[in-house]
Amino acid sequence: MRIFLIGFMGSGKSTVGRKLAHGLYLDLIDLDKFIEKKYKKTIPEIFGLYGEPWFREKERNELVELLRRDNYIMSTGGGTPCFYNNMQLINNNGISIYLRATPLELADRLRKSKYDRPLIKDIKNENLLQYIETKLIEREPFYLQSKIIVDCKINIRNLVQLINSMKVRQ
């Protein structure tokens, strides 16, 4: 089984991923952390040195490589489903779950971790909500292709039950 957590940065993919991995007895792969470990640089360093197109290519390569494994939950990067045919690959190879959050919820969460996120580190707090709203318009068509769409504050037990019901139907 492969489960892919999809959503905008700050939607809780890493946090939900840890709890879900524990609840389903699966390994957790955080795609950004996997890339950082492999390339021995943080995501902000990678963006700064090589730029977003280079990062997106490597992200795609690592996603394809990780599809050779089984029995894990993957916390994807916020942009992962939006490039190449990544969303199609994700849906063809597992259960995708979109952790949906409002722009206001995302802005509140992201203000606390702005400097760790290369796409928003230079955006002033008063412009952050507008940036998120604009980006969500671009990205949500990809996110909405997920097999499961849930509120980012979903109870983990409820999500485990939902996933288990999906396994029965597949």
N, C-alpha and C. Protein backbone atom coordinates (compact mmCIF):
# COMPACT_ATOMS: atom_id res chain seq x y z
N MET A 1 0.84 -1.17 0.00
CA MET A 1 0.00 0.00 0.00
C MET A 1 0.89 1.24 0.00
N ARG A 2 0.48 2.22 -0.80
CA ARG A 2 1.14 3.53 -0.82
C ARG A 2 0.07 4.59 -0.61
N ILE A 3 0.33 5.49 0.33
CA ILE A 3 -0.57 6.60 0.60
C ILE A 3 0.23 7.88 0.42
N PHE A 4 -0.34 8.81 -0.35
CA PHE A 4 0.33 10.08 -0.64
C PHE A 4 -0.48 11.22 -0.05
N LEU A 5 0.16 12.00 0.81
CA LEU A 5 -0.50 13.17 1.39
C LEU A 5 -0.17 14.38 0.53
N ILE A 6 -1.22 15.02 0.07
CA ILE A 6 -1.14 16.13 -0.88
C ILE A 6 -1.70 17.38 -0.20
N GLY A 7 -1.17 18.53 -0.52
CA GLY A 7 -1.75 19.77 -0.03
C GLY A 7 -0.75 20.91 -0.06
N PHE A 8 -1.27 22.09 0.16
CA PHE A 8 -0.44 23.29 0.15
C PHE A 8 0.54 23.24 1.31
N MET A 9 1.65 23.96 1.18
CA MET A 9 2.58 24.04 2.31
C MET A 9 1.83 24.56 3.53
N GLY A 10 2.11 23.94 4.66
CA GLY A 10 1.45 24.34 5.89
C GLY A 10 0.14 23.63 6.16
N SER A 11 -0.28 22.74 5.27
CA SER A 11 -1.56 22.06 5.47
C SER A 11 -1.48 20.92 6.48
N GLY A 12 -0.26 20.55 6.87
CA GLY A 12 -0.10 19.52 7.90
C GLY A 12 0.32 18.17 7.37
N LYS A 13 0.84 18.11 6.16
CA LYS A 13 1.20 16.82 5.56
C LYS A 13 2.21 16.05 6.40
N SER A 14 3.23 16.73 6.88
CA SER A 14 4.26 16.04 7.69
C SER A 14 3.70 15.59 9.02
N THR A 15 2.94 16.44 9.68
CA THR A 15 2.37 16.09 10.99
C THR A 15 1.36 14.96 10.86
N VAL A 16 0.44 15.10 9.92
CA VAL A 16 -0.56 14.04 9.70
C VAL A 16 0.14 12.76 9.26
N GLY A 17 1.16 12.89 8.43
CA GLY A 17 1.91 11.72 7.96
C GLY A 17 2.49 10.91 9.09
N ARG A 18 3.10 11.58 10.07
CA ARG A 18 3.68 10.88 11.22
C ARG A 18 2.60 10.12 12.00
N LYS A 19 1.50 10.80 12.26
CA LYS A 19 0.41 10.18 13.02
C LYS A 19 -0.24 9.04 12.24
N LEU A 20 -0.42 9.24 10.96
CA LEU A 20 -1.05 8.23 10.12
C LEU A 20 -0.14 7.00 9.98
N ALA A 21 1.14 7.24 9.82
CA ALA A 21 2.10 6.12 9.71
C ALA A 21 2.04 5.28 10.98
N HIS A 22 1.95 5.93 12.11
CA HIS A 22 1.84 5.21 13.38
C HIS A 22 0.53 4.42 13.44
N GLY A 23 -0.56 5.06 13.04
CA GLY A 23 -1.88 4.42 13.11
C GLY A 23 -2.08 3.28 12.14
N LEU A 24 -1.36 3.32 11.02
CA LEU A 24 -1.50 2.27 10.00
C LEU A 24 -0.30 1.31 9.98
N TYR A 25 0.65 1.54 10.86
CA TYR A 25 1.86 0.70 10.94
C TYR A 25 2.60 0.67 9.61
N LEU A 26 2.78 1.85 9.03
CA LEU A 26 3.51 1.98 7.77
C LEU A 26 4.70 2.92 7.98
N ASP A 27 5.69 2.80 7.10
CA ASP A 27 6.81 3.73 7.12
C ASP A 27 6.35 5.07 6.60
N LEU A 28 7.03 6.12 7.03
CA LEU A 28 6.75 7.47 6.54
C LEU A 28 7.93 7.95 5.72
N ILE A 29 7.64 8.44 4.54
CA ILE A 29 8.65 9.09 3.71
C ILE A 29 8.21 10.54 3.53
N ASP A 30 9.00 11.46 4.03
CA ASP A 30 8.78 12.88 3.77
C ASP A 30 9.64 13.20 2.55
N LEU A 31 9.00 13.49 1.43
CA LEU A 31 9.73 13.65 0.17
C LEU A 31 10.77 14.77 0.26
N ASP A 32 10.44 15.88 0.88
CA ASP A 32 11.42 16.96 1.01
C ASP A 32 12.62 16.52 1.85
N LYS A 33 12.38 15.83 2.96
CA LYS A 33 13.48 15.36 3.80
C LYS A 33 14.33 14.32 3.06
N PHE A 34 13.66 13.47 2.27
CA PHE A 34 14.36 12.47 1.46
C PHE A 34 15.32 13.16 0.49
N ILE A 35 14.83 14.21 -0.16
CA ILE A 35 15.65 14.97 -1.11
C ILE A 35 16.80 15.67 -0.38
N GLU A 36 16.51 16.26 0.76
CA GLU A 36 17.56 16.94 1.53
C GLU A 36 18.67 15.97 1.91
N LYS A 37 18.29 14.79 2.33
CA LYS A 37 19.29 13.79 2.73
C LYS A 37 20.11 13.33 1.53
N LYS A 38 19.45 13.08 0.43
CA LYS A 38 20.15 12.59 -0.76
C LYS A 38 21.13 13.62 -1.32
N TYR A 39 20.70 14.88 -1.37
CA TYR A 39 21.54 15.92 -1.98
C TYR A 39 22.36 16.70 -0.95
N LYS A 40 22.21 16.32 0.32
CA LYS A 40 23.01 16.90 1.42
C LYS A 40 22.89 18.42 1.48
N LYS A 41 21.67 18.91 1.19
CA LYS A 41 21.37 20.33 1.26
C LYS A 41 19.92 20.49 1.68
N THR A 42 19.61 21.59 2.34
CA THR A 42 18.23 21.86 2.69
C THR A 42 17.47 22.31 1.43
N ILE A 43 16.16 22.23 1.48
CA ILE A 43 15.36 22.69 0.34
C ILE A 43 15.63 24.17 0.05
N PRO A 44 15.68 25.05 1.07
CA PRO A 44 16.03 26.44 0.77
C PRO A 44 17.41 26.59 0.10
N GLU A 45 18.38 25.78 0.53
CA GLU A 45 19.70 25.83 -0.12
C GLU A 45 19.62 25.37 -1.56
N ILE A 46 18.88 24.31 -1.81
CA ILE A 46 18.73 23.80 -3.18
C ILE A 46 18.09 24.86 -4.07
N PHE A 47 17.00 25.48 -3.59
CA PHE A 47 16.35 26.54 -4.37
C PHE A 47 17.32 27.68 -4.63
N GLY A 48 18.08 28.05 -3.60
CA GLY A 48 19.01 29.18 -3.74
C GLY A 48 20.15 28.89 -4.71
N LEU A 49 20.66 27.68 -4.67
CA LEU A 49 21.80 27.32 -5.53
C LEU A 49 21.40 26.96 -6.95
N TYR A 50 20.31 26.22 -7.09
CA TYR A 50 19.98 25.64 -8.40
C TYR A 50 18.67 26.14 -9.00
N GLY A 51 17.79 26.71 -8.18
CA GLY A 51 16.52 27.21 -8.67
C GLY A 51 15.41 26.18 -8.62
N GLU A 52 14.19 26.66 -8.77
CA GLU A 52 13.03 25.79 -8.68
C GLU A 52 12.96 24.75 -9.81
N PRO A 53 13.25 25.09 -11.07
CA PRO A 53 13.15 24.06 -12.13
C PRO A 53 14.06 22.84 -11.86
N TRP A 54 15.28 23.08 -11.38
CA TRP A 54 16.19 21.99 -11.06
C TRP A 54 15.61 21.14 -9.94
N PHE A 55 15.10 21.83 -8.89
CA PHE A 55 14.50 21.11 -7.78
C PHE A 55 13.33 20.26 -8.24
N ARG A 56 12.44 20.80 -9.08
CA ARG A 56 11.26 20.07 -9.53
C ARG A 56 11.64 18.83 -10.33
N GLU A 57 12.71 18.93 -11.09
CA GLU A 57 13.19 17.76 -11.84
C GLU A 57 13.69 16.68 -10.89
N LYS A 58 14.46 17.06 -9.90
CA LYS A 58 14.97 16.09 -8.92
C LYS A 58 13.82 15.51 -8.10
N GLU A 59 12.87 16.35 -7.73
CA GLU A 59 11.70 15.89 -6.98
C GLU A 59 10.96 14.82 -7.76
N ARG A 60 10.78 15.06 -9.04
CA ARG A 60 10.11 14.09 -9.93
C ARG A 60 10.90 12.79 -9.98
N ASN A 61 12.20 12.88 -10.15
CA ASN A 61 13.04 11.68 -10.22
C ASN A 61 12.94 10.86 -8.94
N GLU A 62 12.95 11.53 -7.80
CA GLU A 62 12.87 10.82 -6.53
C GLU A 62 11.50 10.20 -6.33
N LEU A 63 10.45 10.87 -6.76
CA LEU A 63 9.10 10.31 -6.69
C LEU A 63 9.04 9.01 -7.49
N VAL A 64 9.55 9.04 -8.71
CA VAL A 64 9.54 7.85 -9.56
C VAL A 64 10.35 6.73 -8.91
N GLU A 65 11.51 7.08 -8.37
CA GLU A 65 12.35 6.08 -7.69
C GLU A 65 11.62 5.45 -6.51
N LEU A 66 10.95 6.27 -5.72
CA LEU A 66 10.26 5.77 -4.52
C LEU A 66 9.04 4.93 -4.86
N LEU A 67 8.51 5.06 -6.06
CA LEU A 67 7.37 4.23 -6.47
C LEU A 67 7.76 2.76 -6.60
N ARG A 68 9.05 2.47 -6.59
CA ARG A 68 9.52 1.07 -6.63
C ARG A 68 9.34 0.39 -5.28
N ARG A 69 9.16 1.19 -4.24
CA ARG A 69 8.95 0.66 -2.89
C ARG A 69 7.46 0.49 -2.64
N ASP A 70 7.16 -0.17 -1.53
CA ASP A 70 5.75 -0.36 -1.17
C ASP A 70 5.60 -0.20 0.34
N ASN A 71 4.36 -0.08 0.77
CA ASN A 71 4.00 -0.01 2.19
C ASN A 71 4.59 1.21 2.89
N TYR A 72 4.15 2.38 2.46
CA TYR A 72 4.56 3.62 3.09
C TYR A 72 3.50 4.70 2.91
N ILE A 73 3.67 5.73 3.71
CA ILE A 73 2.93 6.96 3.56
C ILE A 73 3.95 8.00 3.13
N MET A 74 3.63 8.75 2.09
CA MET A 74 4.53 9.79 1.64
C MET A 74 3.89 11.15 1.86
N SER A 75 4.62 12.00 2.54
CA SER A 75 4.26 13.39 2.66
C SER A 75 4.95 14.10 1.50
N THR A 76 4.18 14.53 0.51
CA THR A 76 4.76 15.18 -0.66
C THR A 76 5.04 16.64 -0.36
N GLY A 77 5.81 17.27 -1.21
CA GLY A 77 5.96 18.71 -1.14
C GLY A 77 4.68 19.36 -1.66
N GLY A 78 4.43 20.59 -1.29
CA GLY A 78 3.22 21.27 -1.72
C GLY A 78 3.08 21.38 -3.23
N GLY A 79 4.20 21.47 -3.92
CA GLY A 79 4.15 21.60 -5.38
C GLY A 79 4.29 20.28 -6.13
N THR A 80 4.63 19.22 -5.44
CA THR A 80 4.88 17.93 -6.10
C THR A 80 3.79 17.53 -7.09
N PRO A 81 2.51 17.56 -6.71
CA PRO A 81 1.48 17.09 -7.64
C PRO A 81 1.28 17.99 -8.86
N CYS A 82 1.85 19.19 -8.83
CA CYS A 82 1.54 20.21 -9.83
C CYS A 82 2.53 20.25 -10.98
N PHE A 83 3.51 19.38 -10.99
CA PHE A 83 4.53 19.40 -12.04
C PHE A 83 4.59 18.05 -12.74
N TYR A 84 5.01 18.12 -14.01
CA TYR A 84 5.09 16.93 -14.85
C TYR A 84 3.74 16.19 -14.80
N ASN A 85 3.77 14.88 -14.76
CA ASN A 85 2.52 14.11 -14.59
C ASN A 85 2.52 13.45 -13.21
N ASN A 86 3.08 14.16 -12.23
CA ASN A 86 3.23 13.60 -10.89
C ASN A 86 1.91 13.18 -10.27
N MET A 87 0.87 13.98 -10.45
CA MET A 87 -0.42 13.63 -9.83
C MET A 87 -0.97 12.35 -10.44
N GLN A 88 -0.80 12.18 -11.73
CA GLN A 88 -1.24 10.95 -12.39
C GLN A 88 -0.45 9.75 -11.85
N LEU A 89 0.84 9.91 -11.70
CA LEU A 89 1.67 8.84 -11.14
C LEU A 89 1.22 8.48 -9.73
N ILE A 90 0.97 9.50 -8.94
CA ILE A 90 0.53 9.28 -7.56
C ILE A 90 -0.78 8.51 -7.53
N ASN A 91 -1.75 8.95 -8.31
CA ASN A 91 -3.06 8.29 -8.32
C ASN A 91 -3.01 6.89 -8.91
N ASN A 92 -2.13 6.67 -9.86
CA ASN A 92 -2.01 5.33 -10.47
C ASN A 92 -1.30 4.34 -9.55
N ASN A 93 -0.60 4.85 -8.53
CA ASN A 93 0.23 3.98 -7.70
C ASN A 93 -0.13 3.96 -6.23
N GLY A 94 -1.25 4.59 -5.86
CA GLY A 94 -1.62 4.57 -4.45
C GLY A 94 -2.87 5.38 -4.17
N ILE A 95 -3.07 5.65 -2.90
CA ILE A 95 -4.21 6.44 -2.44
C ILE A 95 -3.70 7.85 -2.16
N SER A 96 -4.27 8.81 -2.85
CA SER A 96 -3.89 10.22 -2.63
C SER A 96 -4.92 10.86 -1.71
N ILE A 97 -4.41 11.65 -0.77
CA ILE A 97 -5.27 12.33 0.20
C ILE A 97 -4.90 13.81 0.19
N TYR A 98 -5.86 14.64 -0.16
CA TYR A 98 -5.67 16.09 -0.15
C TYR A 98 -6.08 16.63 1.21
N LEU A 99 -5.13 17.19 1.93
CA LEU A 99 -5.40 17.85 3.21
C LEU A 99 -5.74 19.30 2.90
N ARG A 100 -7.01 19.57 2.85
CA ARG A 100 -7.50 20.88 2.41
C ARG A 100 -7.56 21.86 3.59
N ALA A 101 -7.08 23.07 3.34
CA ALA A 101 -7.12 24.14 4.34
C ALA A 101 -7.52 25.43 3.64
N THR A 102 -8.12 26.33 4.39
CA THR A 102 -8.48 27.63 3.83
C THR A 102 -7.22 28.48 3.71
N PRO A 103 -7.24 29.46 2.83
CA PRO A 103 -6.09 30.37 2.73
C PRO A 103 -5.76 31.05 4.07
N LEU A 104 -6.79 31.39 4.83
CA LEU A 104 -6.56 32.04 6.12
C LEU A 104 -5.86 31.08 7.10
N GLU A 105 -6.31 29.83 7.14
CA GLU A 105 -5.65 28.82 8.00
C GLU A 105 -4.19 28.66 7.58
N LEU A 106 -3.95 28.58 6.29
CA LEU A 106 -2.58 28.40 5.79
C LEU A 106 -1.71 29.60 6.14
N ALA A 107 -2.23 30.80 5.96
CA ALA A 107 -1.46 32.00 6.27
C ALA A 107 -1.09 32.03 7.75
N ASP A 108 -2.04 31.71 8.61
CA ASP A 108 -1.76 31.69 10.05
C ASP A 108 -0.65 30.69 10.38
N ARG A 109 -0.71 29.53 9.77
CA ARG A 109 0.31 28.50 10.03
C ARG A 109 1.66 28.89 9.44
N LEU A 110 1.65 29.44 8.23
CA LEU A 110 2.90 29.70 7.51
C LEU A 110 3.66 30.91 8.06
N ARG A 111 2.99 31.83 8.69
CA ARG A 111 3.69 32.99 9.26
C ARG A 111 4.76 32.53 10.26
N LYS A 112 4.52 31.38 10.88
CA LYS A 112 5.43 30.88 11.91
C LYS A 112 6.65 30.17 11.31
N SER A 113 6.56 29.75 10.05
CA SER A 113 7.66 28.98 9.47
C SER A 113 8.09 29.51 8.10
N LYS A 114 7.85 30.79 7.86
CA LYS A 114 8.13 31.40 6.56
C LYS A 114 9.56 31.21 6.09
N TYR A 115 10.50 31.35 7.00
CA TYR A 115 11.89 31.42 6.59
C TYR A 115 12.47 30.06 6.21
N ASP A 116 11.74 29.00 6.52
CA ASP A 116 12.16 27.65 6.12
C ASP A 116 11.60 27.27 4.76
N ARG A 117 10.82 28.15 4.16
CA ARG A 117 10.10 27.83 2.93
C ARG A 117 10.51 28.79 1.84
N PRO A 118 11.29 28.30 0.86
CA PRO A 118 11.89 29.19 -0.13
C PRO A 118 10.89 29.98 -0.98
N LEU A 119 9.71 29.45 -1.21
CA LEU A 119 8.75 30.16 -2.06
C LEU A 119 8.10 31.36 -1.35
N ILE A 120 8.14 31.39 -0.02
CA ILE A 120 7.47 32.48 0.69
C ILE A 120 8.37 33.27 1.63
N LYS A 121 9.63 32.91 1.71
CA LYS A 121 10.51 33.53 2.71
C LYS A 121 10.63 35.05 2.54
N ASP A 122 10.52 35.54 1.31
CA ASP A 122 10.67 36.96 1.06
C ASP A 122 9.34 37.72 0.96
N ILE A 123 8.24 37.02 1.19
CA ILE A 123 6.93 37.67 1.10
C ILE A 123 6.59 38.30 2.45
N LYS A 124 6.20 39.56 2.41
CA LYS A 124 5.82 40.25 3.64
C LYS A 124 4.54 39.64 4.19
N ASN A 125 4.42 39.64 5.52
CA ASN A 125 3.25 39.04 6.17
C ASN A 125 1.94 39.60 5.63
N GLU A 126 1.91 40.89 5.34
CA GLU A 126 0.66 41.48 4.85
C GLU A 126 0.32 41.03 3.42
N ASN A 127 1.27 40.45 2.71
CA ASN A 127 1.02 39.96 1.35
C ASN A 127 0.88 38.45 1.28
N LEU A 128 1.09 37.78 2.41
CA LEU A 128 1.10 36.32 2.42
C LEU A 128 -0.26 35.72 2.04
N LEU A 129 -1.33 36.23 2.59
CA LEU A 129 -2.66 35.70 2.30
C LEU A 129 -2.96 35.81 0.80
N GLN A 130 -2.65 36.93 0.19
CA GLN A 130 -2.90 37.10 -1.24
C GLN A 130 -2.06 36.11 -2.06
N TYR A 131 -0.81 35.91 -1.67
CA TYR A 131 0.05 34.94 -2.35
C TYR A 131 -0.57 33.54 -2.28
N ILE A 132 -1.01 33.16 -1.10
CA ILE A 132 -1.60 31.83 -0.90
C ILE A 132 -2.86 31.68 -1.76
N GLU A 133 -3.71 32.68 -1.75
CA GLU A 133 -4.94 32.61 -2.55
C GLU A 133 -4.61 32.43 -4.03
N THR A 134 -3.63 33.17 -4.52
CA THR A 134 -3.23 33.08 -5.93
C THR A 134 -2.65 31.70 -6.24
N LYS A 135 -1.76 31.22 -5.39
CA LYS A 135 -1.13 29.91 -5.60
C LYS A 135 -2.15 28.77 -5.53
N LEU A 136 -3.11 28.89 -4.62
CA LEU A 136 -4.13 27.85 -4.50
C LEU A 136 -4.98 27.77 -5.77
N ILE A 137 -5.24 28.90 -6.40
CA ILE A 137 -5.99 28.89 -7.67
C ILE A 137 -5.22 28.06 -8.70
N GLU A 138 -3.89 28.18 -8.72
CA GLU A 138 -3.05 27.41 -9.65
C GLU A 138 -2.99 25.93 -9.27
N ARG A 139 -2.84 25.66 -7.99
CA ARG A 139 -2.53 24.30 -7.55
C ARG A 139 -3.75 23.44 -7.25
N GLU A 140 -4.84 24.05 -6.84
CA GLU A 140 -5.98 23.25 -6.40
C GLU A 140 -6.54 22.33 -7.48
N PRO A 141 -6.50 22.69 -8.77
CA PRO A 141 -6.97 21.72 -9.77
C PRO A 141 -6.20 20.39 -9.71
N PHE A 142 -4.95 20.43 -9.33
CA PHE A 142 -4.16 19.20 -9.16
C PHE A 142 -4.55 18.51 -7.86
N TYR A 143 -4.61 19.27 -6.78
CA TYR A 143 -4.96 18.70 -5.48
C TYR A 143 -6.33 18.01 -5.51
N LEU A 144 -7.26 18.63 -6.23
CA LEU A 144 -8.63 18.10 -6.26
C LEU A 144 -8.75 16.79 -7.04
N GLN A 145 -7.68 16.36 -7.69
CA GLN A 145 -7.67 15.05 -8.35
C GLN A 145 -7.43 13.92 -7.36
N SER A 146 -7.18 14.26 -6.11
CA SER A 146 -6.92 13.25 -5.07
C SER A 146 -8.12 12.34 -4.89
N LYS A 147 -7.84 11.11 -4.50
CA LYS A 147 -8.90 10.12 -4.27
C LYS A 147 -9.71 10.44 -3.02
N ILE A 148 -9.06 11.06 -2.04
CA ILE A 148 -9.73 11.44 -0.79
C ILE A 148 -9.42 12.92 -0.55
N ILE A 149 -10.44 13.68 -0.20
CA ILE A 149 -10.26 15.09 0.14
C ILE A 149 -10.83 15.28 1.55
N VAL A 150 -9.97 15.76 2.46
CA VAL A 150 -10.39 15.93 3.85
C VAL A 150 -9.94 17.29 4.36
N ASP A 151 -10.60 17.76 5.40
CA ASP A 151 -10.18 18.97 6.09
C ASP A 151 -8.84 18.69 6.77
N CYS A 152 -7.96 19.65 6.73
CA CYS A 152 -6.62 19.46 7.30
C CYS A 152 -6.64 19.16 8.80
N LYS A 153 -7.76 19.42 9.46
CA LYS A 153 -7.85 19.18 10.90
C LYS A 153 -8.56 17.86 11.21
N ILE A 154 -8.62 16.97 10.23
CA ILE A 154 -9.33 15.70 10.42
C ILE A 154 -8.73 14.91 11.58
N ASN A 155 -9.59 14.22 12.29
CA ASN A 155 -9.17 13.31 13.34
C ASN A 155 -8.46 12.11 12.68
N ILE A 156 -7.30 11.75 13.19
CA ILE A 156 -6.50 10.68 12.57
C ILE A 156 -7.25 9.35 12.58
N ARG A 157 -7.97 9.04 13.66
CA ARG A 157 -8.74 7.78 13.69
C ARG A 157 -9.75 7.73 12.55
N ASN A 158 -10.41 8.85 12.31
CA ASN A 158 -11.38 8.91 11.22
C ASN A 158 -10.70 8.72 9.86
N LEU A 159 -9.51 9.29 9.72
CA LEU A 159 -8.78 9.15 8.46
C LEU A 159 -8.32 7.70 8.27
N VAL A 160 -7.86 7.06 9.33
CA VAL A 160 -7.48 5.64 9.25
C VAL A 160 -8.68 4.80 8.80
N GLN A 161 -9.84 5.06 9.38
CA GLN A 161 -11.06 4.32 8.99
C GLN A 161 -11.40 4.56 7.52
N LEU A 162 -11.26 5.79 7.07
CA LEU A 162 -11.53 6.13 5.69
C LEU A 162 -10.58 5.39 4.74
N ILE A 163 -9.32 5.36 5.08
CA ILE A 163 -8.32 4.66 4.26
C ILE A 163 -8.60 3.17 4.25
N ASN A 164 -8.91 2.60 5.41
CA ASN A 164 -9.21 1.17 5.47
C ASN A 164 -10.43 0.83 4.63
N SER A 165 -11.41 1.72 4.58
CA SER A 165 -12.59 1.46 3.73
C SER A 165 -12.21 1.54 2.25
N MET A 166 -11.24 2.40 1.91
CA MET A 166 -10.76 2.50 0.52
C MET A 166 -10.05 1.21 0.12
N LYS A 167 -9.26 0.64 1.04
CA LYS A 167 -8.53 -0.60 0.73
C LYS A 167 -9.51 -1.71 0.38
N VAL A 168 -10.62 -1.76 1.08
CA VAL A 168 -11.61 -2.80 0.84
C VAL A 168 -12.22 -2.65 -0.56
N ARG A 169 -12.45 -1.40 -0.98
CA ARG A 169 -13.09 -1.15 -2.28
C ARG A 169 -12.13 -1.31 -3.46
N GLN A 170 -10.82 -1.24 -3.22
CA GLN A 170 -9.89 -1.28 -4.36
C GLN A 170 -9.69 -2.68 -4.88
